[in-house]
Amino acid sequence: MSSVVPGEAIAVEEEALPQQGVYVDQRGFLRSYVVGVAQLDRYKKVAQVKPVVKREFSLKPGCVAEGVVTGVGEDYALVKLYSNSKGERVNAIGILHISQISSEYISDILDYIRPSDIVRAKVLNSSPPYLLSTKDPSTGVILAYCSSCGKELYLTTGGVLVCINCGRREKRKTAVGYLLISR
């Protein structure tokens, strides 16, 4: 038994059949749908993921939530959500898939979002881990930090983020209403 996040490989389809919380990808890997504990029963030849949390959910599809990017993978970002559109406190995990970041083609996810960025995102489903989208102009990064020195990045009129401290220029998928504007 091990902890898994959505998209993480658990086994291959030759080893087991997918059950609760598991799907088979195009290459034949059994992957987790949810954040939880993977269970591979080699005797019954089944794989399942037991969700970590079962409770009443305060985030609904279509609402907007804010959170901090805690990790970035090759094709997803993990977001620790802390508030919803009503300003209520939330303690949940969101998954932002690369296909939901922008309408344009993305070759490198780090050009759009990085760890420690604060994002505003639209919730797409009704249970954790919440699937998120930043395709709307009102959603995206609302505060970013320099990947070199760690200071806040300011948005210029050209849409580029600049560090006042070290002068580094970075790109992100910024939301309308980015918090720090350079004058």
C-alpha atoms as a PDB file:
ATOM      1  CA  MET A   1       0.000   0.000   0.000  1.00  0.00           C
ATOM      2  CA  SER A   2       1.324   3.403  -0.993  1.00  0.00           C
ATOM      3  CA  SER A   3       0.010   6.939  -1.341  1.00  0.00           C
ATOM      4  CA  VAL A   4      -0.729   8.040  -4.905  1.00  0.00           C
ATOM      5  CA  VAL A   5      -1.866  11.161  -6.753  1.00  0.00           C
ATOM      6  CA  PRO A   6      -4.020  11.290  -9.893  1.00  0.00           C
ATOM      7  CA  GLY A   7      -2.193   9.990 -12.942  1.00  0.00           C
ATOM      8  CA  GLU A   8       0.395   8.049 -10.962  1.00  0.00           C
ATOM      9  CA  ALA A   9       1.072   4.524 -12.295  1.00  0.00           C
ATOM     10  CA  ILE A  10       0.048   1.680  -9.989  1.00  0.00           C
ATOM     11  CA  ALA A  11       0.559  -1.390 -12.180  1.00  0.00           C
ATOM     12  CA  VAL A  12       0.164  -2.588 -15.777  1.00  0.00           C
ATOM     13  CA  GLU A  13      -3.017  -4.113 -17.160  1.00  0.00           C
ATOM     14  CA  GLU A  14      -1.369  -7.557 -17.392  1.00  0.00           C
ATOM     15  CA  GLU A  15      -1.014  -7.564 -13.585  1.00  0.00           C
ATOM     16  CA  ALA A  16      -4.504  -6.530 -12.491  1.00  0.00           C
ATOM     17  CA  LEU A  17      -7.939  -5.245 -13.478  1.00  0.00           C
ATOM     18  CA  PRO A  18      -8.847  -1.652 -12.595  1.00  0.00           C
ATOM     19  CA  GLN A  19     -11.444  -1.071  -9.892  1.00  0.00           C
ATOM     20  CA  GLN A  20     -12.498   1.922  -7.761  1.00  0.00           C
ATOM     21  CA  GLY A  21     -10.318   4.986  -8.365  1.00  0.00           C
ATOM     22  CA  VAL A  22      -8.227   3.391 -11.157  1.00  0.00           C
ATOM     23  CA  TYR A  23      -8.192   3.701 -14.953  1.00  0.00           C
ATOM     24  CA  VAL A  24      -6.125   2.214 -17.800  1.00  0.00           C
ATOM     25  CA  ASP A  25      -4.199   4.662 -19.992  1.00  0.00           C
ATOM     26  CA  GLN A  26      -3.357   4.258 -23.711  1.00  0.00           C
ATOM     27  CA  ARG A  27      -0.089   2.452 -22.983  1.00  0.00           C
ATOM     28  CA  GLY A  28      -1.688  -0.116 -20.664  1.00  0.00           C
ATOM     29  CA  PHE A  29      -0.698   1.377 -17.306  1.00  0.00           C
ATOM     30  CA  LEU A  30      -3.201   1.342 -14.440  1.00  0.00           C
ATOM     31  CA  ARG A  31      -3.250   4.871 -13.022  1.00  0.00           C
ATOM     32  CA  SER A  32      -4.924   6.544 -10.065  1.00  0.00           C
ATOM     33  CA  TYR A  33      -7.977   8.788 -10.539  1.00  0.00           C
ATOM     34  CA  VAL A  34      -7.776  10.220  -7.018  1.00  0.00           C
ATOM     35  CA  VAL A  35      -5.417  11.102  -4.195  1.00  0.00           C
ATOM     36  CA  GLY A  36      -5.442   8.092  -1.940  1.00  0.00           C
ATOM     37  CA  VAL A  37      -3.894   4.786  -0.975  1.00  0.00           C
ATOM     38  CA  ALA A  38      -3.214   2.280  -3.754  1.00  0.00           C
ATOM     39  CA  GLN A  39      -4.111  -1.330  -3.065  1.00  0.00           C
ATOM     40  CA  LEU A  40      -2.908  -4.071  -5.406  1.00  0.00           C
ATOM     41  CA  ASP A  41      -4.407  -7.480  -4.643  1.00  0.00           C
ATOM     42  CA  ARG A  42      -2.165  -9.952  -6.468  1.00  0.00           C
ATOM     43  CA  TYR A  43      -4.379 -12.907  -5.492  1.00  0.00           C
ATOM     44  CA  LYS A  44      -7.621 -11.429  -6.919  1.00  0.00           C
ATOM     45  CA  LYS A  45      -5.630  -9.527  -9.577  1.00  0.00           C
ATOM     46  CA  VAL A  46      -7.347  -6.184  -8.964  1.00  0.00           C
ATOM     47  CA  ALA A  47      -6.054  -2.680  -8.313  1.00  0.00           C
ATOM     48  CA  GLN A  48      -7.957   0.050  -6.501  1.00  0.00           C
ATOM     49  CA  VAL A  49      -7.316   3.397  -4.842  1.00  0.00           C
ATOM     50  CA  LYS A  50      -9.080   4.215  -1.606  1.00  0.00           C
ATOM     51  CA  PRO A  51      -9.642   8.010  -1.409  1.00  0.00           C
ATOM     52  CA  VAL A  52      -7.871   9.747   1.466  1.00  0.00           C
ATOM     53  CA  VAL A  53     -10.801  11.961   2.461  1.00  0.00           C
ATOM     54  CA  LYS A  54     -14.566  11.469   2.506  1.00  0.00           C
ATOM     55  CA  ARG A  55     -16.548  14.471   3.738  1.00  0.00           C
ATOM     56  CA  GLU A  56     -18.906  17.259   2.716  1.00  0.00           C
ATOM     57  CA  PHE A  57     -17.308  19.329   0.006  1.00  0.00           C
ATOM     58  CA  SER A  58     -17.400  23.119  -0.033  1.00  0.00           C
ATOM     59  CA  LEU A  59     -16.237  23.496  -3.636  1.00  0.00           C
ATOM     60  CA  LYS A  60     -18.732  22.968  -6.430  1.00  0.00           C
ATOM     61  CA  PRO A  61     -18.204  22.747 -10.201  1.00  0.00           C
ATOM     62  CA  GLY A  62     -17.985  26.224 -11.717  1.00  0.00           C
ATOM     63  CA  CYS A  63     -16.857  28.037  -8.572  1.00  0.00           C
ATOM     64  CA  VAL A  64     -13.508  29.813  -8.468  1.00  0.00           C
ATOM     65  CA  ALA A  65     -10.906  28.939  -5.838  1.00  0.00           C
ATOM     66  CA  GLU A  66      -7.479  30.256  -4.893  1.00  0.00           C
ATOM     67  CA  GLY A  67      -4.472  28.241  -3.873  1.00  0.00           C
ATOM     68  CA  VAL A  68      -0.713  27.808  -3.835  1.00  0.00           C
ATOM     69  CA  VAL A  69       1.093  25.593  -6.347  1.00  0.00           C
ATOM     70  CA  THR A  70       2.901  23.000  -4.231  1.00  0.00           C
ATOM     71  CA  GLY A  71       4.345  20.870  -7.005  1.00  0.00           C
ATOM     72  CA  VAL A  72       4.690  20.695 -10.761  1.00  0.00           C
ATOM     73  CA  GLY A  73       5.026  17.500 -12.776  1.00  0.00           C
ATOM     74  CA  GLU A  74       5.572  16.989 -16.481  1.00  0.00           C
ATOM     75  CA  ASP A  75       1.888  17.452 -17.305  1.00  0.00           C
ATOM     76  CA  TYR A  76       0.176  18.604 -14.111  1.00  0.00           C
ATOM     77  CA  ALA A  77       0.453  20.942 -11.138  1.00  0.00           C
ATOM     78  CA  LEU A  78      -0.695  20.232  -7.585  1.00  0.00           C
ATOM     79  CA  VAL A  79      -2.461  23.155  -5.940  1.00  0.00           C
ATOM     80  CA  LYS A  80      -3.253  23.492  -2.219  1.00  0.00           C
ATOM     81  CA  LEU A  81      -6.558  25.343  -2.258  1.00  0.00           C
ATOM     82  CA  TYR A  82      -7.193  27.750   0.622  1.00  0.00           C
ATOM     83  CA  SER A  83     -10.334  29.765  -0.286  1.00  0.00           C
ATOM     84  CA  ASN A  84     -13.373  29.635  -2.528  1.00  0.00           C
ATOM     85  CA  SER A  85     -15.171  32.385  -4.465  1.00  0.00           C
ATOM     86  CA  LYS A  86     -17.267  33.277  -1.388  1.00  0.00           C
ATOM     87  CA  GLY A  87     -14.117  33.946   0.648  1.00  0.00           C
ATOM     88  CA  GLU A  88     -14.671  30.866   2.812  1.00  0.00           C
ATOM     89  CA  ARG A  89     -11.655  28.910   4.035  1.00  0.00           C
ATOM     90  CA  VAL A  90     -11.038  25.661   2.205  1.00  0.00           C
ATOM     91  CA  ASN A  91      -8.473  22.964   2.848  1.00  0.00           C
ATOM     92  CA  ALA A  92      -8.284  20.851  -0.289  1.00  0.00           C
ATOM     93  CA  ILE A  93      -5.991  19.664  -3.058  1.00  0.00           C
ATOM     94  CA  GLY A  94      -6.500  20.567  -6.696  1.00  0.00           C
ATOM     95  CA  ILE A  95      -4.981  19.111  -9.842  1.00  0.00           C
ATOM     96  CA  LEU A  96      -4.292  21.448 -12.752  1.00  0.00           C
ATOM     97  CA  HIS A  97      -3.648  19.360 -15.875  1.00  0.00           C
ATOM     98  CA  ILE A  98      -1.523  20.871 -18.641  1.00  0.00           C
ATOM     99  CA  SER A  99      -4.510  20.761 -21.044  1.00  0.00           C
ATOM    100  CA  GLN A 100      -6.532  22.960 -18.649  1.00  0.00           C
ATOM    101  CA  ILE A 101      -3.922  25.718 -18.184  1.00  0.00           C
ATOM    102  CA  SER A 102      -4.406  27.537 -21.473  1.00  0.00           C
ATOM    103  CA  SER A 103      -6.236  27.200 -24.799  1.00  0.00           C
ATOM    104  CA  GLU A 104      -2.940  27.381 -26.667  1.00  0.00           C
ATOM    105  CA  TYR A 105      -0.435  24.522 -27.069  1.00  0.00           C
ATOM    106  CA  ILE A 106       1.930  24.192 -24.097  1.00  0.00           C
ATOM    107  CA  SER A 107       5.330  22.606 -24.647  1.00  0.00           C
ATOM    108  CA  ASP A 108       6.748  23.369 -21.181  1.00  0.00           C
ATOM    109  CA  ILE A 109       4.422  23.669 -18.196  1.00  0.00           C
ATOM    110  CA  LEU A 110       7.017  25.767 -16.315  1.00  0.00           C
ATOM    111  CA  ASP A 111       6.462  28.632 -18.790  1.00  0.00           C
ATOM    112  CA  TYR A 112       2.895  28.905 -17.457  1.00  0.00           C
ATOM    113  CA  ILE A 113       3.003  27.912 -13.793  1.00  0.00           C
ATOM    114  CA  ARG A 114       5.680  27.218 -11.175  1.00  0.00           C
ATOM    115  CA  PRO A 115       5.842  26.017  -7.568  1.00  0.00           C
ATOM    116  CA  SER A 116       4.905  28.705  -5.001  1.00  0.00           C
ATOM    117  CA  ASP A 117       2.766  30.638  -7.508  1.00  0.00           C
ATOM    118  CA  ILE A 118      -0.598  31.722  -6.148  1.00  0.00           C
ATOM    119  CA  VAL A 119      -3.365  30.884  -8.612  1.00  0.00           C
ATOM    120  CA  ARG A 120      -7.049  31.558  -9.112  1.00  0.00           C
ATOM    121  CA  ALA A 121      -8.700  28.584 -10.845  1.00  0.00           C
ATOM    122  CA  LYS A 122     -12.130  27.348 -11.848  1.00  0.00           C
ATOM    123  CA  VAL A 123     -13.246  24.072 -10.225  1.00  0.00           C
ATOM    124  CA  LEU A 124     -14.401  21.424 -12.731  1.00  0.00           C
ATOM    125  CA  ASN A 125     -15.672  18.589 -10.491  1.00  0.00           C
ATOM    126  CA  SER A 126     -17.422  18.131  -7.163  1.00  0.00           C
ATOM    127  CA  SER A 127     -15.055  15.946  -5.115  1.00  0.00           C
ATOM    128  CA  PRO A 128     -11.371  15.906  -4.185  1.00  0.00           C
ATOM    129  CA  PRO A 129      -8.928  16.009  -5.698  1.00  0.00           C
ATOM    130  CA  TYR A 130     -10.545  18.913  -7.480  1.00  0.00           C
ATOM    131  CA  LEU A 131      -9.807  19.227 -11.169  1.00  0.00           C
ATOM    132  CA  LEU A 132      -8.963  22.833 -11.994  1.00  0.00           C
ATOM    133  CA  SER A 133      -8.865  25.056 -15.075  1.00  0.00           C
ATOM    134  CA  THR A 134      -7.152  28.385 -15.733  1.00  0.00           C
ATOM    135  CA  LYS A 135      -8.311  28.810 -19.342  1.00  0.00           C
ATOM    136  CA  ASP A 136     -10.571  31.799 -18.566  1.00  0.00           C
ATOM    137  CA  PRO A 137      -8.914  35.257 -18.641  1.00  0.00           C
ATOM    138  CA  SER A 138     -10.002  35.853 -15.024  1.00  0.00           C
ATOM    139  CA  THR A 139      -8.122  32.734 -13.880  1.00  0.00           C
ATOM    140  CA  GLY A 140      -4.406  31.990 -13.736  1.00  0.00           C
ATOM    141  CA  VAL A 141      -1.463  33.150 -11.669  1.00  0.00           C
ATOM    142  CA  ILE A 142      -2.357  36.099  -9.432  1.00  0.00           C
ATOM    143  CA  LEU A 143       1.015  36.340  -7.686  1.00  0.00           C
ATOM    144  CA  ALA A 144       4.351  34.842  -8.770  1.00  0.00           C
ATOM    145  CA  TYR A 145       7.795  34.728  -7.261  1.00  0.00           C
ATOM    146  CA  CYS A 146      11.193  34.931  -8.981  1.00  0.00           C
ATOM    147  CA  SER A 147      12.664  31.482  -9.601  1.00  0.00           C
ATOM    148  CA  SER A 148      16.143  32.958  -9.079  1.00  0.00           C
ATOM    149  CA  CYS A 149      15.955  35.139  -5.936  1.00  0.00           C
ATOM    150  CA  GLY A 150      12.454  34.395  -4.574  1.00  0.00           C
ATOM    151  CA  LYS A 151      11.156  37.982  -4.569  1.00  0.00           C
ATOM    152  CA  GLU A 152       7.759  38.992  -5.995  1.00  0.00           C
ATOM    153  CA  LEU A 153       7.407  39.379  -9.761  1.00  0.00           C
ATOM    154  CA  TYR A 154       5.764  42.527 -11.145  1.00  0.00           C
ATOM    155  CA  LEU A 155       3.611  42.459 -14.297  1.00  0.00           C
ATOM    156  CA  THR A 156       4.743  44.873 -17.030  1.00  0.00           C
ATOM    157  CA  THR A 157       2.519  46.452 -19.677  1.00  0.00           C
ATOM    158  CA  GLY A 158       3.949  43.928 -22.184  1.00  0.00           C
ATOM    159  CA  GLY A 159       2.582  41.020 -20.145  1.00  0.00           C
ATOM    160  CA  VAL A 160       6.010  39.862 -18.928  1.00  0.00           C
ATOM    161  CA  LEU A 161       6.776  39.330 -15.248  1.00  0.00           C
ATOM    162  CA  VAL A 162       9.903  41.097 -13.989  1.00  0.00           C
ATOM    163  CA  CYS A 163      11.772  40.790 -10.699  1.00  0.00           C
ATOM    164  CA  ILE A 164      12.532  44.229  -9.272  1.00  0.00           C
ATOM    165  CA  ASN A 165      15.338  42.729  -7.160  1.00  0.00           C
ATOM    166  CA  CYS A 166      17.442  40.832  -9.746  1.00  0.00           C
ATOM    167  CA  GLY A 167      15.906  41.927 -13.069  1.00  0.00           C
ATOM    168  CA  ARG A 168      14.968  38.395 -14.170  1.00  0.00           C
ATOM    169  CA  ARG A 169      12.114  38.195 -16.697  1.00  0.00           C
ATOM    170  CA  GLU A 170       9.708  35.244 -16.525  1.00  0.00           C
ATOM    171  CA  LYS A 171       6.573  34.081 -18.296  1.00  0.00           C
ATOM    172  CA  ARG A 172       3.378  32.820 -16.627  1.00  0.00           C
ATOM    173  CA  LYS A 173      -0.309  32.431 -17.512  1.00  0.00           C
ATOM    174  CA  THR A 174      -1.409  35.483 -15.515  1.00  0.00           C
ATOM    175  CA  ALA A 175      -4.983  36.238 -14.528  1.00  0.00           C
ATOM    176  CA  VAL A 176      -6.777  39.497 -15.072  1.00  0.00           C
ATOM    177  CA  GLY A 177      -6.272  41.171 -11.710  1.00  0.00           C
ATOM    178  CA  TYR A 178      -2.650  40.120 -11.141  1.00  0.00           C
ATOM    179  CA  LEU A 179      -1.736  41.631  -7.778  1.00  0.00           C
ATOM    180  CA  LEU A 180       1.544  43.478  -8.506  1.00  0.00           C
ATOM    181  CA  ILE A 181       1.714  45.823 -11.511  1.00  0.00           C
ATOM    182  CA  SER A 182       4.935  47.585 -12.542  1.00  0.00           C
ATOM    183  CA  ARG A 183       4.583  51.314 -13.243  1.00  0.00           C
END
